[in-house]
């Protein structure tokens, strides 16, 4: 029976090996840009003045502080990996332990230390090291899902959910190929609401929330829901309030450590750097309501029945947000998960300027809700597969999936519009199940 306890570990190890095997399949331009930021932090051995620096190769930093710190840390990971491989290679060669039998290892080291492009200062190894952070976060989220399901159900079901998450295309595509950090941010977002629902840990909920936002600002969409649930917890409100003061104080200290500007100026400038891009488009590669009803790069300021598309999006989203308040009145764990799912999914569906990846939180919340509401799981499978297609639609890499490109672009994006309609239908169906 002991092997059953090792099975989840074996699954995670195999998932890690698979992700490593595809890590060089494609390199997104975002990684090169992020490496530029990370290299600055690594070379300066500090983030002080990072956001104020105006000398960048590719673009100004537009990510929050904590994830930017990890960009810098990825260069330290590269340094460690390079030292380990060179030391191992020299040991084999100097002691004549059969170096001729592992030529692939020396070829790998050569590749690892080559430039990605001759026009960039970054090595393949440095870009791959940045991807490793995303992969580790992906596996960490898988482990969190496993322990959560095990606590709520049993080991067999937890192993099934672990395997399901790890083999779904969106999981390994986001981490090993695209190197996004939605998984890492969601870990702390999930811990935020876990802490909020536990009287022993709700003091730490605000800190978890700030960490999540410090990794990915998309978590801000859940802020009103967090405040609603916190205020409604009259027994523990003082503790949560004190936790909020501590969390804000820690963020204040962080700002003082990384910026010469005062707290207010820093955050105003950071807000401009993060949000001042693409805020006019109705949708950005997302299979949502606006993808279905408007054309690519349609201006969200266009007027329909006296209101702009952007305002219509806020109004529809606002209705669902009010419903999330209603559905979470019990202020227990499952009602908060249902409310989060509604907020995350409806925001992505109906607000303008949505990128495809912004649906990630709702995807994981749907999987979590499947633990309690078994009828959701078949809809979640369809939802997650469409999400995976949407990620590919946003980048069209790697090229050996080109047959999918031909399908999705057939007849003027007819298929992708039908998938957008399907996403709306799945959302309505799941909301009916969990109401």
Protein backbone atom coordinates (compact mmCIF):
# COMPACT_ATOMS: atom_id res chain seq x y z
CA UNK A 1 0.00 0.00 0.00
CA UNK A 2 2.98 2.33 0.45
CA UNK A 3 3.32 2.81 -3.31
CA UNK A 4 -0.01 4.65 -3.31
CA UNK A 5 1.55 7.35 -1.15
CA UNK A 6 4.42 7.66 -3.62
CA UNK A 7 2.14 7.85 -6.65
CA UNK A 8 1.47 11.62 -6.38
CA UNK A 9 5.23 12.23 -6.05
CA UNK A 10 5.88 10.06 -9.13
CA UNK A 11 3.21 11.95 -11.10
CA UNK A 12 4.78 15.31 -10.20
CA UNK A 13 8.28 14.06 -11.10
CA UNK A 14 7.06 12.78 -14.49
CA UNK A 15 5.22 16.06 -15.08
CA UNK A 16 8.43 17.94 -14.30
CA UNK A 17 10.42 15.78 -16.75
CA UNK A 18 7.80 16.32 -19.45
CA UNK A 19 7.89 20.08 -18.96
CA UNK A 20 11.68 20.07 -19.13
CA UNK A 21 11.50 18.11 -22.37
CA UNK A 22 9.41 20.82 -24.06
CA UNK A 23 11.01 23.83 -22.39
CA UNK A 24 12.89 24.84 -25.56
CA UNK A 25 9.95 24.29 -27.90
CA UNK A 26 9.32 28.02 -28.19
CA UNK A 27 10.58 31.23 -26.57
CA UNK A 28 8.10 34.09 -26.27
CA UNK A 29 9.29 37.66 -26.76
CA UNK A 30 7.93 38.41 -23.27
CA UNK A 31 10.69 36.26 -21.80
CA UNK A 32 13.39 38.27 -23.56
CA UNK A 33 11.84 41.50 -22.25
CA UNK A 34 11.55 40.10 -18.72
CA UNK A 35 15.15 38.93 -18.91
CA UNK A 36 16.13 42.52 -19.61
CA UNK A 37 14.48 43.59 -16.39
CA UNK A 38 15.88 40.62 -14.47
CA UNK A 39 19.39 41.25 -15.74
CA UNK A 40 19.26 44.84 -14.46
CA UNK A 41 18.26 43.62 -10.99
CA UNK A 42 20.90 40.89 -11.02
CA UNK A 43 23.69 43.23 -12.12
CA UNK A 44 22.73 45.91 -9.59
CA UNK A 45 22.19 43.32 -6.84
CA UNK A 46 19.14 45.31 -5.80
CA UNK A 47 15.80 46.59 -7.07
CA UNK A 48 16.47 50.10 -5.82
CA UNK A 49 15.69 52.51 -8.65
CA UNK A 50 14.47 49.69 -10.90
CA UNK A 51 11.17 51.34 -11.83
CA UNK A 52 12.76 54.79 -12.15
CA UNK A 53 15.47 53.66 -14.58
CA UNK A 54 14.80 54.98 -18.09
CA UNK A 55 17.47 53.07 -20.01
CA UNK A 56 15.95 49.82 -21.28
CA UNK A 57 16.66 47.72 -24.35
CA UNK A 58 13.11 46.56 -25.01
CA UNK A 59 10.67 48.37 -22.77
CA UNK A 60 9.94 49.86 -19.36
CA UNK A 61 9.00 47.49 -16.51
CA UNK A 62 5.24 46.92 -16.47
CA UNK A 63 5.03 44.14 -13.89
CA UNK A 64 4.59 44.43 -10.10
CA UNK A 65 7.57 44.28 -7.71
CA UNK A 66 7.48 40.66 -6.50
CA UNK A 67 7.45 39.07 -9.93
CA UNK A 68 10.11 41.53 -11.07
CA UNK A 69 12.28 40.34 -8.19
CA UNK A 70 11.88 36.77 -9.46
CA UNK A 71 13.02 37.88 -12.91
CA UNK A 72 16.23 38.98 -11.25
CA UNK A 73 16.44 35.80 -9.19
CA UNK A 74 16.24 33.72 -12.39
CA UNK A 75 19.75 34.94 -13.27
CA UNK A 76 20.96 33.58 -9.94
CA UNK A 77 19.33 30.25 -10.83
CA UNK A 78 21.19 30.33 -14.15
CA UNK A 79 24.45 31.00 -12.33
CA UNK A 80 23.89 28.00 -10.05
CA UNK A 81 22.92 25.68 -12.91
CA UNK A 82 25.88 26.78 -15.00
CA UNK A 83 28.29 26.19 -12.11
CA UNK A 84 26.84 22.73 -11.41
CA UNK A 85 27.01 21.62 -15.05
CA UNK A 86 30.51 22.94 -15.68
CA UNK A 87 31.80 21.37 -12.44
CA UNK A 88 30.18 18.03 -13.32
CA UNK A 89 31.56 18.15 -16.87
CA UNK A 90 35.09 18.96 -15.71
CA UNK A 91 34.97 16.20 -13.11
CA UNK A 92 34.03 13.61 -15.73
CA UNK A 93 36.66 14.80 -18.19
CA UNK A 94 39.52 15.13 -15.69
CA UNK A 95 38.86 11.72 -14.13
CA UNK A 96 38.31 10.01 -17.50
CA UNK A 97 34.94 8.64 -16.48
CA UNK A 98 33.66 8.12 -19.99
CA UNK A 99 32.97 11.57 -21.34
CA UNK A 100 32.76 10.11 -24.86
CA UNK A 101 29.65 8.18 -23.80
CA UNK A 102 27.69 11.34 -22.96
CA UNK A 103 28.39 13.76 -25.80
CA UNK A 104 24.82 15.00 -25.46
CA UNK A 105 25.72 16.50 -22.07
CA UNK A 106 28.50 18.64 -23.51
CA UNK A 107 26.32 19.64 -26.44
CA UNK A 108 23.69 20.73 -23.92
CA UNK A 109 26.22 22.85 -22.02
CA UNK A 110 27.31 24.45 -25.30
CA UNK A 111 23.69 25.22 -26.17
CA UNK A 112 22.99 26.44 -22.62
CA UNK A 113 25.74 29.07 -22.92
CA UNK A 114 24.87 30.27 -26.45
CA UNK A 115 23.03 33.50 -27.20
CA UNK A 116 19.33 33.24 -27.94
CA UNK A 117 19.71 35.68 -30.82
CA UNK A 118 22.92 37.35 -31.94
CA UNK A 119 21.12 40.67 -31.45
CA UNK A 120 20.26 40.00 -27.80
CA UNK A 121 22.67 39.86 -24.83
CA UNK A 122 20.86 36.90 -23.25
CA UNK A 123 21.80 33.24 -23.31
CA UNK A 124 19.47 30.31 -23.83
CA UNK A 125 20.29 29.20 -20.32
CA UNK A 126 19.21 32.52 -18.84
CA UNK A 127 15.85 32.38 -20.62
CA UNK A 128 15.32 28.75 -19.66
CA UNK A 129 16.14 29.57 -16.02
CA UNK A 130 13.31 32.10 -16.05
CA UNK A 131 11.00 29.39 -17.37
CA UNK A 132 11.98 27.14 -14.48
CA UNK A 133 10.26 29.51 -12.05
CA UNK A 134 6.99 29.11 -13.97
CA UNK A 135 7.37 25.32 -14.06
CA UNK A 136 8.05 25.07 -10.34
CA UNK A 137 5.02 27.30 -9.65
CA UNK A 138 2.93 25.04 -11.92
CA UNK A 139 3.97 21.95 -9.97
CA UNK A 140 3.43 23.81 -6.70
CA UNK A 141 -0.13 24.64 -7.67
CA UNK A 142 -0.68 21.00 -8.62
CA UNK A 143 0.53 19.95 -5.16
CA UNK A 144 -1.77 22.51 -3.53
CA UNK A 145 -4.73 21.12 -5.48
CA UNK A 146 -3.76 17.60 -4.39
CA UNK A 147 -3.58 18.41 -0.66
CA UNK A 148 -6.79 20.44 -0.81
CA UNK A 149 -8.79 17.66 -2.51
CA UNK A 150 -7.27 15.07 -0.18
CA UNK A 151 -8.48 17.06 2.82
CA UNK A 152 -11.95 17.57 1.36
CA UNK A 153 -12.35 14.06 -0.05
CA UNK A 154 -9.80 11.20 -0.24
CA UNK A 155 -6.38 10.28 -1.61
CA UNK A 156 -7.73 8.53 -4.71
CA UNK A 157 -9.76 11.55 -5.78
CA UNK A 158 -6.88 13.89 -4.93
CA UNK A 159 -4.53 11.89 -7.16
CA UNK A 160 -7.07 12.01 -9.98
CA UNK A 161 -7.37 15.80 -9.74
CA UNK A 162 -3.59 16.14 -9.53
CA UNK A 163 -3.14 14.12 -12.71
CA UNK A 164 -5.98 15.93 -14.45
CA UNK A 165 -4.47 19.34 -13.80
CA UNK A 166 -0.95 18.35 -14.83
CA UNK A 167 -1.92 16.77 -18.15
CA UNK A 168 -4.29 19.51 -19.30
CA UNK A 169 -2.67 21.52 -22.13
CA UNK A 170 -3.24 24.93 -20.53
CA UNK A 171 -1.11 23.91 -17.53
CA UNK A 172 2.09 22.94 -19.32
CA UNK A 173 1.55 25.48 -22.12
CA UNK A 174 1.45 28.40 -19.70
CA UNK A 175 4.46 27.24 -17.70
CA UNK A 176 6.90 25.29 -19.88
CA UNK A 177 6.25 26.98 -23.22
CA UNK A 178 4.99 30.49 -22.54
CA UNK A 179 6.51 30.97 -19.04
CA UNK A 180 3.63 32.96 -17.60
CA UNK A 181 3.18 33.33 -13.84
CA UNK A 182 -0.56 32.94 -13.35
CA UNK A 183 -0.01 29.72 -11.40
CA UNK A 184 2.23 31.41 -8.86
CA UNK A 185 -0.13 34.33 -8.34
CA UNK A 186 -3.11 31.99 -7.98
CA UNK A 187 -1.41 29.99 -5.23
CA UNK A 188 -1.41 33.08 -3.01
CA UNK A 189 -4.86 34.16 -4.18
CA UNK A 190 -6.24 30.78 -3.14
CA UNK A 191 -4.38 30.95 0.17
CA UNK A 192 -5.92 34.41 0.68
CA UNK A 193 -9.44 33.05 0.75
CA UNK A 194 -8.44 29.88 2.59
CA UNK A 195 -7.02 32.07 5.36
CA UNK A 196 -10.01 34.39 5.25
CA UNK A 197 -12.36 31.47 5.91
CA UNK A 198 -10.25 30.08 8.78
CA UNK A 199 -10.42 31.97 12.08
CA UNK A 200 -6.96 30.68 13.02
CA UNK A 201 -5.34 32.12 9.91
CA UNK A 202 -7.49 35.06 8.76
CA UNK A 203 -4.95 37.53 10.16
CA UNK A 204 -2.66 36.49 7.27
CA UNK A 205 -5.31 36.79 4.54
CA UNK A 206 -4.47 40.44 3.65
CA UNK A 207 -0.77 39.60 3.37
CA UNK A 208 -1.51 36.66 1.06
CA UNK A 209 -3.65 38.97 -1.07
CA UNK A 210 -0.96 41.62 -1.38
CA UNK A 211 1.61 38.96 -2.32
CA UNK A 212 -0.74 37.66 -5.02
CA UNK A 213 -1.20 41.15 -6.46
CA UNK A 214 2.54 41.75 -6.19
CA UNK A 215 2.98 38.79 -8.51
CA UNK A 216 0.09 39.46 -10.89
CA UNK A 217 -2.23 42.46 -10.71
CA UNK A 218 -5.11 40.49 -12.24
CA UNK A 219 -5.98 39.48 -8.67
CA UNK A 220 -7.27 43.02 -8.05
CA UNK A 221 -10.58 42.00 -9.61
CA UNK A 222 -11.30 40.03 -6.41
CA UNK A 223 -10.61 42.96 -4.06
CA UNK A 224 -14.27 44.03 -3.59
CA UNK A 225 -15.22 40.43 -2.84
CA UNK A 226 -12.38 40.14 -0.33
CA UNK A 227 -13.52 43.34 1.42
CA UNK A 228 -17.16 42.17 1.39
CA UNK A 229 -16.29 38.86 3.05
CA UNK A 230 -13.91 40.50 5.53
CA UNK A 231 -16.42 43.14 6.66
CA UNK A 232 -19.13 40.53 7.03
CA UNK A 233 -16.99 38.47 9.40
CA UNK A 234 -17.88 40.47 12.50
CA UNK A 235 -16.23 38.03 14.91
CA UNK A 236 -12.85 38.23 13.22
CA UNK A 237 -13.01 41.63 11.54
CA UNK A 238 -10.61 43.27 14.03
CA UNK A 239 -8.05 40.54 13.43
CA UNK A 240 -8.39 40.89 9.64
CA UNK A 241 -8.18 44.67 9.96
CA UNK A 242 -4.96 44.42 11.97
CA UNK A 243 -3.63 41.97 9.40
CA UNK A 244 -4.40 44.52 6.70
CA UNK A 245 -2.43 47.20 8.54
CA UNK A 246 0.56 44.85 8.88
CA UNK A 247 0.34 43.88 5.20
CA UNK A 248 0.19 47.50 4.06
CA UNK A 249 3.08 48.37 6.37
CA UNK A 250 5.17 45.57 4.86
CA UNK A 251 4.35 46.82 1.37
CA UNK A 252 5.31 50.34 2.47
CA UNK A 253 8.69 49.05 3.66
CA UNK A 254 9.15 47.21 0.35
CA UNK A 255 8.53 50.43 -1.59
CA UNK A 256 11.10 52.29 0.54
CA UNK A 257 13.63 49.56 -0.21
CA UNK A 258 13.18 49.64 -3.99
CA UNK A 259 12.32 53.24 -4.85
CA UNK A 260 13.68 56.75 -4.12
CA UNK A 261 10.14 58.12 -4.60
CA UNK A 262 7.62 58.41 -1.80
CA UNK A 263 4.91 55.78 -1.40
CA UNK A 264 2.16 57.68 -3.24
CA UNK A 265 4.29 58.78 -6.19
CA UNK A 266 5.73 55.29 -6.59
CA UNK A 267 2.28 53.66 -6.77
CA UNK A 268 0.88 56.29 -9.13
CA UNK A 269 3.82 55.79 -11.49
CA UNK A 270 3.60 52.01 -11.18
CA UNK A 271 -0.10 52.10 -11.98
CA UNK A 272 0.63 54.04 -15.17
CA UNK A 273 3.37 51.63 -16.22
CA UNK A 274 1.22 48.55 -15.63
CA UNK A 275 -2.13 49.67 -17.01
CA UNK A 276 -1.23 52.17 -19.73
CA UNK A 277 -1.32 49.69 -22.62
CA UNK A 278 -4.08 48.41 -24.88
CA UNK A 279 -6.83 49.91 -22.74
CA UNK A 280 -8.89 50.87 -25.78
CA UNK A 281 -9.46 47.46 -27.43
CA UNK A 282 -12.64 45.51 -26.75
CA UNK A 283 -10.71 42.24 -26.53
CA UNK A 284 -7.13 41.02 -26.83
CA UNK A 285 -7.12 37.41 -28.15
CA UNK A 286 -9.76 36.27 -25.63
CA UNK A 287 -12.58 33.91 -26.63
CA UNK A 288 -15.15 36.01 -24.78
CA UNK A 289 -18.33 38.00 -25.43
CA UNK A 290 -16.50 40.77 -27.26
CA UNK A 291 -14.63 38.31 -29.47
CA UNK A 292 -18.02 36.95 -30.48
CA UNK A 293 -19.70 40.29 -31.12
CA UNK A 294 -16.95 42.66 -32.33
CA UNK A 295 -13.96 42.55 -34.62
CA UNK A 296 -10.29 42.44 -33.66
CA UNK A 297 -8.96 45.78 -32.35
CA UNK A 298 -12.44 47.29 -32.19
CA UNK A 299 -12.31 50.42 -30.06
CA UNK A 300 -13.98 49.91 -26.67
CA UNK A 301 -14.97 53.59 -26.76
CA UNK A 302 -17.41 52.95 -29.62
CA UNK A 303 -20.98 53.82 -28.68
CA UNK A 304 -23.92 51.40 -28.57
CA UNK A 305 -27.34 52.60 -27.36
CA UNK A 306 -25.79 55.70 -25.83
CA UNK A 307 -23.01 53.94 -23.91
CA UNK A 308 -19.51 52.82 -24.87
CA UNK A 309 -18.68 49.13 -25.12
CA UNK A 310 -16.42 49.59 -22.11
CA UNK A 311 -19.29 50.91 -19.96
CA UNK A 312 -21.59 48.12 -21.16
CA UNK A 313 -18.93 45.63 -20.09
CA UNK A 314 -18.69 47.17 -16.62
CA UNK A 315 -22.47 47.15 -16.24
CA UNK A 316 -22.87 43.49 -17.15
CA UNK A 317 -19.90 42.54 -14.99
CA UNK A 318 -21.33 44.64 -12.16
CA UNK A 319 -24.56 42.65 -12.22
CA UNK A 320 -22.66 39.40 -11.82
CA UNK A 321 -20.49 40.93 -9.10
CA UNK A 322 -23.60 41.87 -7.13
CA UNK A 323 -24.79 38.30 -7.60
CA UNK A 324 -21.46 37.06 -6.21
CA UNK A 325 -22.14 39.09 -3.05
CA UNK A 326 -25.54 37.45 -2.81
CA UNK A 327 -24.24 33.92 -3.34
CA UNK A 328 -21.49 34.35 -0.73
CA UNK A 329 -23.75 35.55 2.07
CA UNK A 330 -23.01 32.44 4.14
CA UNK A 331 -19.36 33.51 4.13
CA UNK A 332 -18.10 29.94 4.25
CA UNK A 333 -15.43 28.36 2.07
CA UNK A 334 -17.60 26.94 -0.70
CA UNK A 335 -19.77 30.02 -1.08
CA UNK A 336 -16.62 32.14 -1.38
CA UNK A 337 -15.23 29.79 -4.04
CA UNK A 338 -18.49 30.07 -5.99
CA UNK A 339 -18.39 33.84 -5.74
CA UNK A 340 -14.77 33.94 -6.88
CA UNK A 341 -15.57 31.76 -9.88
CA UNK A 342 -18.43 34.03 -10.91
CA UNK A 343 -16.30 37.15 -10.52
CA UNK A 344 -13.30 35.72 -12.37
CA UNK A 345 -15.27 34.23 -15.25
CA UNK A 346 -17.79 37.03 -15.75
CA UNK A 347 -15.06 39.67 -15.62
CA UNK A 348 -13.16 37.88 -18.36
CA UNK A 349 -16.28 37.33 -20.43
CA UNK A 350 -17.77 40.81 -20.34
CA UNK A 351 -15.18 43.44 -19.44
CA UNK A 352 -13.23 44.93 -22.33
CA UNK A 353 -9.45 44.69 -22.85
CA UNK A 354 -9.30 41.10 -21.62
CA UNK A 355 -6.31 38.96 -22.49
CA UNK A 356 -6.75 35.21 -22.86
CA UNK A 357 -4.68 34.41 -19.74
CA UNK A 358 -6.91 36.44 -17.43
CA UNK A 359 -9.29 33.47 -17.29
CA UNK A 360 -6.74 31.33 -15.44
CA UNK A 361 -8.11 31.92 -11.93
CA UNK A 362 -11.65 30.96 -12.99
CA UNK A 363 -10.31 27.80 -14.63
CA UNK A 364 -8.68 26.60 -11.40
CA UNK A 365 -11.68 27.67 -9.32
CA UNK A 366 -13.90 25.61 -11.62
CA UNK A 367 -11.71 22.57 -10.99
CA UNK A 368 -11.87 23.17 -7.23
CA UNK A 369 -15.66 23.49 -7.35
CA UNK A 370 -15.77 20.14 -9.19
CA UNK A 371 -14.71 18.50 -5.94
CA UNK A 372 -18.06 19.41 -4.39
CA UNK A 373 -20.24 19.69 -7.51
CA UNK A 374 -19.51 16.61 -9.60
CA UNK A 375 -21.74 17.76 -12.46
CA UNK A 376 -19.35 20.61 -13.14
CA UNK A 377 -16.42 18.40 -14.09
CA UNK A 378 -17.51 17.55 -17.66
CA UNK A 379 -18.13 21.23 -18.34
CA UNK A 380 -14.78 22.06 -16.79
CA UNK A 381 -13.02 19.66 -19.16
CA UNK A 382 -14.55 21.45 -22.15
CA UNK A 383 -13.77 24.82 -20.58
CA UNK A 384 -10.13 24.00 -19.93
CA UNK A 385 -9.58 22.55 -23.41
CA UNK A 386 -11.04 25.67 -25.04
CA UNK A 387 -8.83 27.77 -22.76
CA UNK A 388 -5.82 25.82 -24.01
CA UNK A 389 -6.84 26.55 -27.60
CA UNK A 390 -7.28 30.20 -26.68
CA UNK A 391 -3.71 30.34 -25.34
CA UNK A 392 -2.40 28.93 -28.61
CA UNK A 393 -4.58 31.37 -30.58
CA UNK A 394 -2.88 34.23 -28.76
CA UNK A 395 0.64 33.23 -29.84
CA UNK A 396 0.54 30.56 -32.61
CA UNK A 397 3.56 28.78 -31.16
CA UNK A 398 4.91 26.13 -31.38
CA UNK A 399 4.60 25.80 -35.13
CA UNK A 400 3.84 22.06 -35.21
CA UNK A 401 0.33 22.97 -33.97
CA UNK A 402 -0.28 24.89 -37.19
CA UNK A 403 -3.21 22.66 -38.10
CA UNK A 404 -5.03 24.23 -35.12
CA UNK A 405 -4.30 27.66 -36.51
CA UNK A 406 -5.91 26.73 -39.81
CA UNK A 407 -8.98 25.43 -37.99
CA UNK A 408 -9.37 28.42 -35.67
CA UNK A 409 -8.94 30.94 -38.49
CA UNK A 410 -11.24 29.09 -40.90
CA UNK A 411 -13.96 31.22 -42.49
CA UNK A 412 -12.90 34.42 -40.81
CA UNK A 413 -12.46 33.02 -37.27
CA UNK A 414 -15.82 31.28 -37.35
CA UNK A 415 -14.58 28.44 -35.13
CA UNK A 416 -13.09 30.76 -32.54
CA UNK A 417 -16.36 32.73 -32.43
CA UNK A 418 -18.29 29.50 -31.89
CA UNK A 419 -15.88 28.66 -29.08
CA UNK A 420 -16.58 32.10 -27.58
CA UNK A 421 -20.29 31.30 -27.67
CA UNK A 422 -19.55 27.96 -26.05
CA UNK A 423 -17.65 29.67 -23.24
CA UNK A 424 -20.67 31.84 -22.49
CA UNK A 425 -22.88 28.75 -22.47
CA UNK A 426 -20.53 26.88 -20.11
CA UNK A 427 -20.45 29.86 -17.76
CA UNK A 428 -24.25 30.00 -17.60
CA UNK A 429 -24.49 26.24 -17.07
CA UNK A 430 -21.98 26.16 -14.22
CA UNK A 431 -23.59 29.16 -12.51
CA UNK A 432 -26.94 27.31 -12.62
CA UNK A 433 -25.33 24.26 -11.01
CA UNK A 434 -23.69 26.13 -8.14
CA UNK A 435 -26.41 28.69 -7.40
